[in-house]
Amino acid sequence: MNYIFDVKMKLNERIRTIRQGKGYTQEYMAEKLGIDTVNYGRIERGQTQITIERLSKIANILNVEVSELLLDSNYVFEQNKILKKMLKTDLEILKEIKKLNIKLTKNQKN
């Protein structure tokens, strides 16, 4: 992901940032959503509520997950870092278990 989000960025700002990052215009988004440009502009300014159906359509047009639009990206980034550390630790534990099993097998043969 090449988008940089502010910690307190709101949904409408995330939509705008991703749209701009992809080089899409508000006119393009409005056309894809089947609404006029004025109403789309209201979405990006946070002046209107977005239904889950419309949010899903926006995510599809932008080729992102709805969760990427809804969740604080820094939260997601930190969670991914934690998960990677956990996986690394789990792999290290599994390697140690494998080594111990090999030693145990050798000892049992002797």
PDB file of N, CA and C in Angstrom:
ATOM      1  N   MET A   1       0.846  -1.167   0.000  1.00  0.00           N
ATOM      2  CA  MET A   1       0.000   0.000   0.000  1.00  0.00           C
ATOM      3  C   MET A   1       0.898   1.239   0.000  1.00  0.00           C
ATOM      4  N   ASN A   2       0.611   2.176  -0.891  1.00  0.00           N
ATOM      5  CA  ASN A   2       1.434   3.368  -1.026  1.00  0.00           C
ATOM      6  C   ASN A   2       0.791   4.608  -0.433  1.00  0.00           C
ATOM      7  N   TYR A   3      -0.265   4.450   0.302  1.00  0.00           N
ATOM      8  CA  TYR A   3      -0.986   5.596   0.827  1.00  0.00           C
ATOM      9  C   TYR A   3      -0.496   5.920   2.220  1.00  0.00           C
ATOM     10  N   ILE A   4      -0.334   7.206   2.496  1.00  0.00           N
ATOM     11  CA  ILE A   4       0.084   7.634   3.822  1.00  0.00           C
ATOM     12  C   ILE A   4      -1.116   8.319   4.463  1.00  0.00           C
ATOM     13  N   PHE A   5      -1.563   7.772   5.602  1.00  0.00           N
ATOM     14  CA  PHE A   5      -2.719   8.316   6.286  1.00  0.00           C
ATOM     15  C   PHE A   5      -2.307   8.971   7.593  1.00  0.00           C
ATOM     16  N   ASP A   6      -2.988  10.023   7.934  1.00  0.00           N
ATOM     17  CA  ASP A   6      -2.849  10.652   9.236  1.00  0.00           C
ATOM     18  C   ASP A   6      -3.565   9.763  10.246  1.00  0.00           C
ATOM     19  N   VAL A   7      -3.076   9.733  11.471  1.00  0.00           N
ATOM     20  CA  VAL A   7      -3.681   8.898  12.509  1.00  0.00           C
ATOM     21  C   VAL A   7      -5.169   9.206  12.679  1.00  0.00           C
ATOM     22  N   LYS A   8      -5.537  10.461  12.603  1.00  0.00           N
ATOM     23  CA  LYS A   8      -6.924  10.858  12.862  1.00  0.00           C
ATOM     24  C   LYS A   8      -7.706  11.092  11.571  1.00  0.00           C
ATOM     25  N   MET A   9      -7.213  10.589  10.460  1.00  0.00           N
ATOM     26  CA  MET A   9      -7.886  10.804   9.186  1.00  0.00           C
ATOM     27  C   MET A   9      -9.271  10.160   9.218  1.00  0.00           C
ATOM     28  N   LYS A  10     -10.233  10.885   8.708  1.00  0.00           N
ATOM     29  CA  LYS A  10     -11.599  10.404   8.683  1.00  0.00           C
ATOM     30  C   LYS A  10     -11.853   9.606   7.409  1.00  0.00           C
ATOM     31  N   LEU A  11     -12.962   8.885   7.404  1.00  0.00           N
ATOM     32  CA  LEU A  11     -13.344   8.055   6.269  1.00  0.00           C
ATOM     33  C   LEU A  11     -13.330   8.848   4.972  1.00  0.00           C
ATOM     34  N   ASN A  12     -13.956  10.013   4.968  1.00  0.00           N
ATOM     35  CA  ASN A  12     -14.020  10.793   3.730  1.00  0.00           C
ATOM     36  C   ASN A  12     -12.625  11.188   3.245  1.00  0.00           C
ATOM     37  N   GLU A  13     -11.728  11.471   4.182  1.00  0.00           N
ATOM     38  CA  GLU A  13     -10.362  11.837   3.807  1.00  0.00           C
ATOM     39  C   GLU A  13      -9.601  10.633   3.263  1.00  0.00           C
ATOM     40  N   ARG A  14      -9.863   9.454   3.813  1.00  0.00           N
ATOM     41  CA  ARG A  14      -9.218   8.235   3.302  1.00  0.00           C
ATOM     42  C   ARG A  14      -9.656   7.974   1.864  1.00  0.00           C
ATOM     43  N   ILE A  15     -10.961   8.123   1.632  1.00  0.00           N
ATOM     44  CA  ILE A  15     -11.492   7.916   0.278  1.00  0.00           C
ATOM     45  C   ILE A  15     -10.804   8.867  -0.694  1.00  0.00           C
ATOM     46  N   ARG A  16     -10.729  10.145  -0.321  1.00  0.00           N
ATOM     47  CA  ARG A  16     -10.114  11.145  -1.194  1.00  0.00           C
ATOM     48  C   ARG A  16      -8.633  10.823  -1.441  1.00  0.00           C
ATOM     49  N   THR A  17      -7.912  10.468  -0.381  1.00  0.00           N
ATOM     50  CA  THR A  17      -6.485  10.177  -0.504  1.00  0.00           C
ATOM     51  C   THR A  17      -6.236   8.995  -1.440  1.00  0.00           C
ATOM     52  N   ILE A  18      -7.015   7.945  -1.282  1.00  0.00           N
ATOM     53  CA  ILE A  18      -6.837   6.771  -2.136  1.00  0.00           C
ATOM     54  C   ILE A  18      -7.234   7.108  -3.574  1.00  0.00           C
ATOM     55  N   ARG A  19      -8.347   7.804  -3.738  1.00  0.00           N
ATOM     56  CA  ARG A  19      -8.791   8.194  -5.087  1.00  0.00           C
ATOM     57  C   ARG A  19      -7.708   8.991  -5.797  1.00  0.00           C
ATOM     58  N   GLN A  20      -7.170   9.980  -5.106  1.00  0.00           N
ATOM     59  CA  GLN A  20      -6.131  10.811  -5.702  1.00  0.00           C
ATOM     60  C   GLN A  20      -4.873   9.994  -6.004  1.00  0.00           C
ATOM     61  N   GLY A  21      -4.541   9.079  -5.099  1.00  0.00           N
ATOM     62  CA  GLY A  21      -3.374   8.225  -5.308  1.00  0.00           C
ATOM     63  C   GLY A  21      -3.501   7.354  -6.548  1.00  0.00           C
ATOM     64  N   LYS A  22      -4.711   7.002  -6.892  1.00  0.00           N
ATOM     65  CA  LYS A  22      -4.947   6.183  -8.085  1.00  0.00           C
ATOM     66  C   LYS A  22      -5.135   7.041  -9.330  1.00  0.00           C
ATOM     67  N   GLY A  23      -5.169   8.351  -9.148  1.00  0.00           N
ATOM     68  CA  GLY A  23      -5.322   9.250 -10.294  1.00  0.00           C
ATOM     69  C   GLY A  23      -6.749   9.357 -10.803  1.00  0.00           C
ATOM     70  N   TYR A  24      -7.718   8.959  -9.985  1.00  0.00           N
ATOM     71  CA  TYR A  24      -9.120   9.051 -10.387  1.00  0.00           C
ATOM     72  C   TYR A  24      -9.659  10.443 -10.067  1.00  0.00           C
ATOM     73  N   THR A  25     -10.540  10.921 -10.909  1.00  0.00           N
ATOM     74  CA  THR A  25     -11.190  12.210 -10.658  1.00  0.00           C
ATOM     75  C   THR A  25     -12.489  11.977  -9.890  1.00  0.00           C
ATOM     76  N   GLN A  26     -13.015  13.053  -9.315  1.00  0.00           N
ATOM     77  CA  GLN A  26     -14.317  12.962  -8.663  1.00  0.00           C
ATOM     78  C   GLN A  26     -15.389  12.632  -9.703  1.00  0.00           C
ATOM     79  N   GLU A  27     -15.226  13.146 -10.902  1.00  0.00           N
ATOM     80  CA  GLU A  27     -16.189  12.863 -11.971  1.00  0.00           C
ATOM     81  C   GLU A  27     -16.221  11.365 -12.287  1.00  0.00           C
ATOM     82  N   TYR A  28     -15.043  10.762 -12.351  1.00  0.00           N
ATOM     83  CA  TYR A  28     -14.943   9.327 -12.620  1.00  0.00           C
ATOM     84  C   TYR A  28     -15.655   8.536 -11.529  1.00  0.00           C
ATOM     85  N   MET A  29     -15.374   8.891 -10.276  1.00  0.00           N
ATOM     86  CA  MET A  29     -15.992   8.182  -9.145  1.00  0.00           C
ATOM     87  C   MET A  29     -17.506   8.335  -9.178  1.00  0.00           C
ATOM     88  N   ALA A  30     -17.971   9.561  -9.409  1.00  0.00           N
ATOM     89  CA  ALA A  30     -19.415   9.819  -9.442  1.00  0.00           C
ATOM     90  C   ALA A  30     -20.080   8.988 -10.541  1.00  0.00           C
ATOM     91  N   GLU A  31     -19.460   8.952 -11.703  1.00  0.00           N
ATOM     92  CA  GLU A  31     -20.013   8.178 -12.819  1.00  0.00           C
ATOM     93  C   GLU A  31     -20.103   6.703 -12.458  1.00  0.00           C
ATOM     94  N   LYS A  32     -19.034   6.155 -11.880  1.00  0.00           N
ATOM     95  CA  LYS A  32     -19.023   4.736 -11.497  1.00  0.00           C
ATOM     96  C   LYS A  32     -20.069   4.432 -10.432  1.00  0.00           C
ATOM     97  N   LEU A  33     -20.325   5.411  -9.560  1.00  0.00           N
ATOM     98  CA  LEU A  33     -21.312   5.225  -8.487  1.00  0.00           C
ATOM     99  C   LEU A  33     -22.734   5.496  -8.959  1.00  0.00           C
ATOM    100  N   GLY A  34     -22.874   6.122 -10.122  1.00  0.00           N
ATOM    101  CA  GLY A  34     -24.203   6.456 -10.632  1.00  0.00           C
ATOM    102  C   GLY A  34     -24.827   7.646  -9.923  1.00  0.00           C
ATOM    103  N   ILE A  35     -23.977   8.572  -9.465  1.00  0.00           N
ATOM    104  CA  ILE A  35     -24.469   9.794  -8.818  1.00  0.00           C
ATOM    105  C   ILE A  35     -23.818  10.988  -9.505  1.00  0.00           C
ATOM    106  N   ASP A  36     -24.324  12.183  -9.192  1.00  0.00           N
ATOM    107  CA  ASP A  36     -23.698  13.355  -9.814  1.00  0.00           C
ATOM    108  C   ASP A  36     -22.458  13.779  -9.023  1.00  0.00           C
ATOM    109  N   THR A  37     -21.635  14.584  -9.668  1.00  0.00           N
ATOM    110  CA  THR A  37     -20.368  15.006  -9.087  1.00  0.00           C
ATOM    111  C   THR A  37     -20.560  15.806  -7.800  1.00  0.00           C
ATOM    112  N   VAL A  38     -21.613  16.594  -7.730  1.00  0.00           N
ATOM    113  CA  VAL A  38     -21.882  17.394  -6.531  1.00  0.00           C
ATOM    114  C   VAL A  38     -22.085  16.480  -5.330  1.00  0.00           C
ATOM    115  N   ASN A  39     -22.888  15.435  -5.509  1.00  0.00           N
ATOM    116  CA  ASN A  39     -23.122  14.500  -4.402  1.00  0.00           C
ATOM    117  C   ASN A  39     -21.863  13.728  -4.044  1.00  0.00           C
ATOM    118  N   TYR A  40     -21.061  13.378  -5.039  1.00  0.00           N
ATOM    119  CA  TYR A  40     -19.811  12.696  -4.727  1.00  0.00           C
ATOM    120  C   TYR A  40     -18.888  13.621  -3.931  1.00  0.00           C
ATOM    121  N   GLY A  41     -18.826  14.876  -4.341  1.00  0.00           N
ATOM    122  CA  GLY A  41     -18.008  15.854  -3.615  1.00  0.00           C
ATOM    123  C   GLY A  41     -18.410  15.953  -2.152  1.00  0.00           C
ATOM    124  N   ARG A  42     -19.703  15.833  -1.896  1.00  0.00           N
ATOM    125  CA  ARG A  42     -20.186  15.865  -0.505  1.00  0.00           C
ATOM    126  C   ARG A  42     -19.655  14.678   0.295  1.00  0.00           C
ATOM    127  N   ILE A  43     -19.513  13.529  -0.366  1.00  0.00           N
ATOM    128  CA  ILE A  43     -18.957  12.347   0.308  1.00  0.00           C
ATOM    129  C   ILE A  43     -17.537  12.653   0.752  1.00  0.00           C
ATOM    130  N   GLU A  44     -16.728  13.197  -0.153  1.00  0.00           N
ATOM    131  CA  GLU A  44     -15.324  13.458   0.167  1.00  0.00           C
ATOM    132  C   GLU A  44     -15.138  14.608   1.155  1.00  0.00           C
ATOM    133  N   ARG A  45     -16.128  15.481   1.238  1.00  0.00           N
ATOM    134  CA  ARG A  45     -16.048  16.571   2.230  1.00  0.00           C
ATOM    135  C   ARG A  45     -16.660  16.159   3.569  1.00  0.00           C
ATOM    136  N   GLY A  46     -17.212  14.956   3.633  1.00  0.00           N
ATOM    137  CA  GLY A  46     -17.815  14.476   4.875  1.00  0.00           C
ATOM    138  C   GLY A  46     -19.129  15.159   5.187  1.00  0.00           C
ATOM    139  N   GLN A  47     -19.818  15.611   4.158  1.00  0.00           N
ATOM    140  CA  GLN A  47     -21.066  16.343   4.354  1.00  0.00           C
ATOM    141  C   GLN A  47     -22.303  15.472   4.200  1.00  0.00           C
ATOM    142  N   THR A  48     -22.090  14.196   4.000  1.00  0.00           N
ATOM    143  CA  THR A  48     -23.222  13.283   3.852  1.00  0.00           C
ATOM    144  C   THR A  48     -22.853  11.930   4.450  1.00  0.00           C
ATOM    145  N   GLN A  49     -23.858  11.195   4.854  1.00  0.00           N
ATOM    146  CA  GLN A  49     -23.600   9.853   5.376  1.00  0.00           C
ATOM    147  C   GLN A  49     -23.473   8.882   4.210  1.00  0.00           C
ATOM    148  N   ILE A  50     -22.675   7.850   4.407  1.00  0.00           N
ATOM    149  CA  ILE A  50     -22.454   6.859   3.357  1.00  0.00           C
ATOM    150  C   ILE A  50     -23.068   5.540   3.807  1.00  0.00           C
ATOM    151  N   THR A  51     -23.924   4.978   2.981  1.00  0.00           N
ATOM    152  CA  THR A  51     -24.487   3.667   3.299  1.00  0.00           C
ATOM    153  C   THR A  51     -23.404   2.609   3.099  1.00  0.00           C
ATOM    154  N   ILE A  52     -23.592   1.466   3.712  1.00  0.00           N
ATOM    155  CA  ILE A  52     -22.622   0.387   3.569  1.00  0.00           C
ATOM    156  C   ILE A  52     -22.568  -0.082   2.118  1.00  0.00           C
ATOM    157  N   GLU A  53     -23.709  -0.042   1.432  1.00  0.00           N
ATOM    158  CA  GLU A  53     -23.727  -0.432   0.017  1.00  0.00           C
ATOM    159  C   GLU A  53     -22.868   0.518  -0.818  1.00  0.00           C
ATOM    160  N   ARG A  54     -23.023   1.814  -0.574  1.00  0.00           N
ATOM    161  CA  ARG A  54     -22.227   2.797  -1.318  1.00  0.00           C
ATOM    162  C   ARG A  54     -20.756   2.683  -0.944  1.00  0.00           C
ATOM    163  N   LEU A  55     -20.479   2.473   0.331  1.00  0.00           N
ATOM    164  CA  LEU A  55     -19.093   2.317   0.769  1.00  0.00           C
ATOM    165  C   LEU A  55     -18.456   1.106   0.101  1.00  0.00           C
ATOM    166  N   SER A  56     -19.222   0.033  -0.013  1.00  0.00           N
ATOM    167  CA  SER A  56     -18.739  -1.169  -0.684  1.00  0.00           C
ATOM    168  C   SER A  56     -18.436  -0.888  -2.153  1.00  0.00           C
ATOM    169  N   LYS A  57     -19.294  -0.128  -2.802  1.00  0.00           N
ATOM    170  CA  LYS A  57     -19.063   0.237  -4.211  1.00  0.00           C
ATOM    171  C   LYS A  57     -17.810   1.100  -4.344  1.00  0.00           C
ATOM    172  N   ILE A  58     -17.639   2.046  -3.435  1.00  0.00           N
ATOM    173  CA  ILE A  58     -16.451   2.906  -3.460  1.00  0.00           C
ATOM    174  C   ILE A  58     -15.192   2.055  -3.304  1.00  0.00           C
ATOM    175  N   ALA A  59     -15.223   1.130  -2.359  1.00  0.00           N
ATOM    176  CA  ALA A  59     -14.068   0.249  -2.139  1.00  0.00           C
ATOM    177  C   ALA A  59     -13.769  -0.563  -3.397  1.00  0.00           C
ATOM    178  N   ASN A  60     -14.814  -1.075  -4.042  1.00  0.00           N
ATOM    179  CA  ASN A  60     -14.606  -1.856  -5.268  1.00  0.00           C
ATOM    180  C   ASN A  60     -13.997  -1.000  -6.373  1.00  0.00           C
ATOM    181  N   ILE A  61     -14.491   0.201  -6.545  1.00  0.00           N
ATOM    182  CA  ILE A  61     -13.954   1.096  -7.578  1.00  0.00           C
ATOM    183  C   ILE A  61     -12.480   1.400  -7.294  1.00  0.00           C
ATOM    184  N   LEU A  62     -12.170   1.623  -6.024  1.00  0.00           N
ATOM    185  CA  LEU A  62     -10.795   1.948  -5.640  1.00  0.00           C
ATOM    186  C   LEU A  62      -9.912   0.706  -5.508  1.00  0.00           C
ATOM    187  N   ASN A  63     -10.529  -0.467  -5.636  1.00  0.00           N
ATOM    188  CA  ASN A  63      -9.817  -1.738  -5.538  1.00  0.00           C
ATOM    189  C   ASN A  63      -9.123  -1.896  -4.172  1.00  0.00           C
ATOM    190  N   VAL A  64      -9.873  -1.602  -3.115  1.00  0.00           N
ATOM    191  CA  VAL A  64      -9.398  -1.784  -1.745  1.00  0.00           C
ATOM    192  C   VAL A  64     -10.487  -2.495  -0.955  1.00  0.00           C
ATOM    193  N   GLU A  65     -10.130  -3.007   0.205  1.00  0.00           N
ATOM    194  CA  GLU A  65     -11.105  -3.619   1.101  1.00  0.00           C
ATOM    195  C   GLU A  65     -11.859  -2.520   1.849  1.00  0.00           C
ATOM    196  N   VAL A  66     -13.107  -2.773   2.170  1.00  0.00           N
ATOM    197  CA  VAL A  66     -13.893  -1.815   2.958  1.00  0.00           C
ATOM    198  C   VAL A  66     -13.185  -1.520   4.273  1.00  0.00           C
ATOM    199  N   SER A  67     -12.575  -2.549   4.862  1.00  0.00           N
ATOM    200  CA  SER A  67     -11.886  -2.365   6.144  1.00  0.00           C
ATOM    201  C   SER A  67     -10.749  -1.356   6.029  1.00  0.00           C
ATOM    202  N   GLU A  68     -10.118  -1.289   4.851  1.00  0.00           N
ATOM    203  CA  GLU A  68      -9.039  -0.320   4.659  1.00  0.00           C
ATOM    204  C   GLU A  68      -9.569   1.110   4.731  1.00  0.00           C
ATOM    205  N   LEU A  69     -10.811   1.286   4.314  1.00  0.00           N
ATOM    206  CA  LEU A  69     -11.423   2.609   4.378  1.00  0.00           C
ATOM    207  C   LEU A  69     -11.912   2.930   5.793  1.00  0.00           C
ATOM    208  N   LEU A  70     -12.354   1.911   6.512  1.00  0.00           N
ATOM    209  CA  LEU A  70     -12.960   2.129   7.825  1.00  0.00           C
ATOM    210  C   LEU A  70     -11.965   2.186   8.970  1.00  0.00           C
ATOM    211  N   LEU A  71     -10.940   1.352   8.919  1.00  0.00           N
ATOM    212  CA  LEU A  71     -10.023   1.249  10.043  1.00  0.00           C
ATOM    213  C   LEU A  71      -8.907   2.267   9.954  1.00  0.00           C
ATOM    214  N   ASP A  72      -8.467   2.692  11.098  1.00  0.00           N
ATOM    215  CA  ASP A  72      -7.302   3.569  11.178  1.00  0.00           C
ATOM    216  C   ASP A  72      -6.122   2.791  10.624  1.00  0.00           C
ATOM    217  N   SER A  73      -5.516   3.289   9.571  1.00  0.00           N
ATOM    218  CA  SER A  73      -4.439   2.547   8.904  1.00  0.00           C
ATOM    219  C   SER A  73      -3.250   2.321   9.827  1.00  0.00           C
ATOM    220  N   ASN A  74      -2.977   3.235  10.744  1.00  0.00           N
ATOM    221  CA  ASN A  74      -1.871   3.021  11.681  1.00  0.00           C
ATOM    222  C   ASN A  74      -2.181   1.856  12.606  1.00  0.00           C
ATOM    223  N   TYR A  75      -3.441   1.713  12.986  1.00  0.00           N
ATOM    224  CA  TYR A  75      -3.859   0.577  13.802  1.00  0.00           C
ATOM    225  C   TYR A  75      -3.605  -0.716  13.034  1.00  0.00           C
ATOM    226  N   VAL A  76      -4.021  -0.755  11.767  1.00  0.00           N
ATOM    227  CA  VAL A  76      -3.833  -1.940  10.932  1.00  0.00           C
ATOM    228  C   VAL A  76      -2.348  -2.229  10.774  1.00  0.00           C
ATOM    229  N   PHE A  77      -1.545  -1.196  10.531  1.00  0.00           N
ATOM    230  CA  PHE A  77      -0.102  -1.367  10.365  1.00  0.00           C
ATOM    231  C   PHE A  77       0.517  -1.964  11.626  1.00  0.00           C
ATOM    232  N   GLU A  78       0.151  -1.438  12.787  1.00  0.00           N
ATOM    233  CA  GLU A  78       0.691  -1.955  14.053  1.00  0.00           C
ATOM    234  C   GLU A  78       0.250  -3.390  14.285  1.00  0.00           C
ATOM    235  N   GLN A  79      -1.004  -3.704  13.971  1.00  0.00           N
ATOM    236  CA  GLN A  79      -1.485  -5.077  14.129  1.00  0.00           C
ATOM    237  C   GLN A  79      -0.708  -6.029  13.223  1.00  0.00           C
ATOM    238  N   ASN A  80      -0.419  -5.601  11.993  1.00  0.00           N
ATOM    239  CA  ASN A  80       0.359  -6.434  11.077  1.00  0.00           C
ATOM    240  C   ASN A  80       1.773  -6.661  11.602  1.00  0.00           C
ATOM    241  N   LYS A  81       2.383  -5.629  12.185  1.00  0.00           N
ATOM    242  CA  LYS A  81       3.718  -5.784  12.760  1.00  0.00           C
ATOM    243  C   LYS A  81       3.702  -6.811  13.889  1.00  0.00           C
ATOM    244  N   ILE A  82       2.701  -6.740  14.737  1.00  0.00           N
ATOM    245  CA  ILE A  82       2.577  -7.679  15.853  1.00  0.00           C
ATOM    246  C   ILE A  82       2.388  -9.095  15.330  1.00  0.00           C
ATOM    247  N   LEU A  83       1.529  -9.253  14.332  1.00  0.00           N
ATOM    248  CA  LEU A  83       1.297 -10.582  13.764  1.00  0.00           C
ATOM    249  C   LEU A  83       2.566 -11.156  13.140  1.00  0.00           C
ATOM    250  N   LYS A  84       3.333 -10.325  12.453  1.00  0.00           N
ATOM    251  CA  LYS A  84       4.588 -10.794  11.856  1.00  0.00           C
ATOM    252  C   LYS A  84       5.565 -11.248  12.933  1.00  0.00           C
ATOM    253  N   LYS A  85       5.639 -10.504  14.038  1.00  0.00           N
ATOM    254  CA  LYS A  85       6.521 -10.904  15.140  1.00  0.00           C
ATOM    255  C   LYS A  85       6.069 -12.234  15.739  1.00  0.00           C
ATOM    256  N   MET A  86       4.751 -12.383  15.882  1.00  0.00           N
ATOM    257  CA  MET A  86       4.225 -13.631  16.436  1.00  0.00           C
ATOM    258  C   MET A  86       4.547 -14.804  15.516  1.00  0.00           C
ATOM    259  N   LEU A  87       4.383 -14.612  14.213  1.00  0.00           N
ATOM    260  CA  LEU A  87       4.679 -15.676  13.259  1.00  0.00           C
ATOM    261  C   LEU A  87       6.155 -16.038  13.282  1.00  0.00           C
ATOM    262  N   LYS A  88       7.003 -15.012  13.376  1.00  0.00           N
ATOM    263  CA  LYS A  88       8.439 -15.263  13.437  1.00  0.00           C
ATOM    264  C   LYS A  88       8.780 -16.079  14.685  1.00  0.00           C
ATOM    265  N   THR A  89       8.195 -15.690  15.811  1.00  0.00           N
ATOM    266  CA  THR A  89       8.421 -16.414  17.061  1.00  0.00           C
ATOM    267  C   THR A  89       7.921 -17.849  16.945  1.00  0.00           C
ATOM    268  N   ASP A  90       6.734 -18.028  16.362  1.00  0.00           N
ATOM    269  CA  ASP A  90       6.189 -19.376  16.188  1.00  0.00           C
ATOM    270  C   ASP A  90       7.096 -20.231  15.313  1.00  0.00           C
ATOM    271  N   LEU A  91       7.636 -19.649  14.251  1.00  0.00           N
ATOM    272  CA  LEU A  91       8.542 -20.389  13.381  1.00  0.00           C
ATOM    273  C   LEU A  91       9.820 -20.788  14.114  1.00  0.00           C
ATOM    274  N   GLU A  92      10.327 -19.877  14.929  1.00  0.00           N
ATOM    275  CA  GLU A  92      11.528 -20.185  15.710  1.00  0.00           C
ATOM    276  C   GLU A  92      11.259 -21.326  16.689  1.00  0.00           C
ATOM    277  N   ILE A  93      10.107 -21.305  17.317  1.00  0.00           N
ATOM    278  CA  ILE A  93       9.735 -22.374  18.252  1.00  0.00           C
ATOM    279  C   ILE A  93       9.624 -23.701  17.510  1.00  0.00           C
ATOM    280  N   LEU A  94       8.986 -23.670  16.336  1.00  0.00           N
ATOM    281  CA  LEU A  94       8.849 -24.902  15.556  1.00  0.00           C
ATOM    282  C   LEU A  94      10.213 -25.453  15.126  1.00  0.00           C
ATOM    283  N   LYS A  95      11.134 -24.585  14.765  1.00  0.00           N
ATOM    284  CA  LYS A  95      12.480 -25.026  14.405  1.00  0.00           C
ATOM    285  C   LYS A  95      13.168 -25.686  15.591  1.00  0.00           C
ATOM    286  N   GLU A  96      13.016 -25.122  16.769  1.00  0.00           N
ATOM    287  CA  GLU A  96      13.619 -25.701  17.970  1.00  0.00           C
ATOM    288  C   GLU A  96      12.997 -27.057  18.287  1.00  0.00           C
ATOM    289  N   ILE A  97      11.696 -27.166  18.135  1.00  0.00           N
ATOM    290  CA  ILE A  97      11.017 -28.441  18.371  1.00  0.00           C
ATOM    291  C   ILE A  97      11.532 -29.490  17.393  1.00  0.00           C
ATOM    292  N   LYS A  98      11.708 -29.103  16.137  1.00  0.00           N
ATOM    293  CA  LYS A  98      12.230 -30.027  15.129  1.00  0.00           C
ATOM    294  C   LYS A  98      13.631 -30.508  15.511  1.00  0.00           C
ATOM    295  N   LYS A  99      14.484 -29.579  15.949  1.00  0.00           N
ATOM    296  CA  LYS A  99      15.840 -29.949  16.380  1.00  0.00           C
ATOM    297  C   LYS A  99      15.792 -30.930  17.548  1.00  0.00           C
ATOM    298  N   LEU A 100      14.921 -30.644  18.511  1.00  0.00           N
ATOM    299  CA  LEU A 100      14.794 -31.537  19.668  1.00  0.00           C
ATOM    300  C   LEU A 100      14.282 -32.911  19.255  1.00  0.00           C
ATOM    301  N   ASN A 101      13.349 -32.960  18.318  1.00  0.00           N
ATOM    302  CA  ASN A 101      12.838 -34.246  17.842  1.00  0.00           C
ATOM    303  C   ASN A 101      13.931 -35.050  17.146  1.00  0.00           C
ATOM    304  N   ILE A 102      14.784 -34.373  16.377  1.00  0.00           N
ATOM    305  CA  ILE A 102      15.880 -35.058  15.713  1.00  0.00           C
ATOM    306  C   ILE A 102      16.849 -35.629  16.747  1.00  0.00           C
ATOM    307  N   LYS A 103      17.188 -34.823  17.764  1.00  0.00           N
ATOM    308  CA  LYS A 103      18.073 -35.292  18.828  1.00  0.00           C
ATOM    309  C   LYS A 103      17.451 -36.482  19.567  1.00  0.00           C
ATOM    310  N   LEU A 104      16.185 -36.387  19.874  1.00  0.00           N
ATOM    311  CA  LEU A 104      15.482 -37.445  20.585  1.00  0.00           C
ATOM    312  C   LEU A 104      15.478 -38.732  19.763  1.00  0.00           C
ATOM    313  N   THR A 105      15.220 -38.618  18.487  1.00  0.00           N
ATOM    314  CA  THR A 105      15.215 -39.778  17.601  1.00  0.00           C
ATOM    315  C   THR A 105      16.600 -40.424  17.561  1.00  0.00           C
ATOM    316  N   LYS A 106      17.642 -39.610  17.470  1.00  0.00           N
ATOM    317  CA  LYS A 106      19.024 -40.131  17.456  1.00  0.00           C
ATOM    318  C   LYS A 106      19.340 -40.832  18.761  1.00  0.00           C
ATOM    319  N   ASN A 107      18.941 -40.250  19.871  1.00  0.00           N
ATOM    320  CA  ASN A 107      19.191 -40.843  21.192  1.00  0.00           C
ATOM    321  C   ASN A 107      18.465 -42.177  21.359  1.00  0.00           C
ATOM    322  N   GLN A 108      17.244 -42.244  20.812  1.00  0.00           N
ATOM    323  CA  GLN A 108      16.465 -43.472  20.940  1.00  0.00           C
ATOM    324  C   GLN A 108      17.087 -44.601  20.124  1.00  0.00           C
ATOM    325  N   LYS A 109      17.739 -44.256  19.007  1.00  0.00           N
ATOM    326  CA  LYS A 109      18.389 -45.281  18.173  1.00  0.00           C
ATOM    327  C   LYS A 109      19.651 -45.818  18.844  1.00  0.00           C
ATOM    328  N   ASN A 110      20.301 -45.015  19.663  1.00  0.00           N
ATOM    329  CA  ASN A 110      21.551 -45.423  20.335  1.00  0.00           C
ATOM    330  C   ASN A 110      21.221 -46.203  21.540  1.00  0.00           C
TER     331      ASN A 110
END
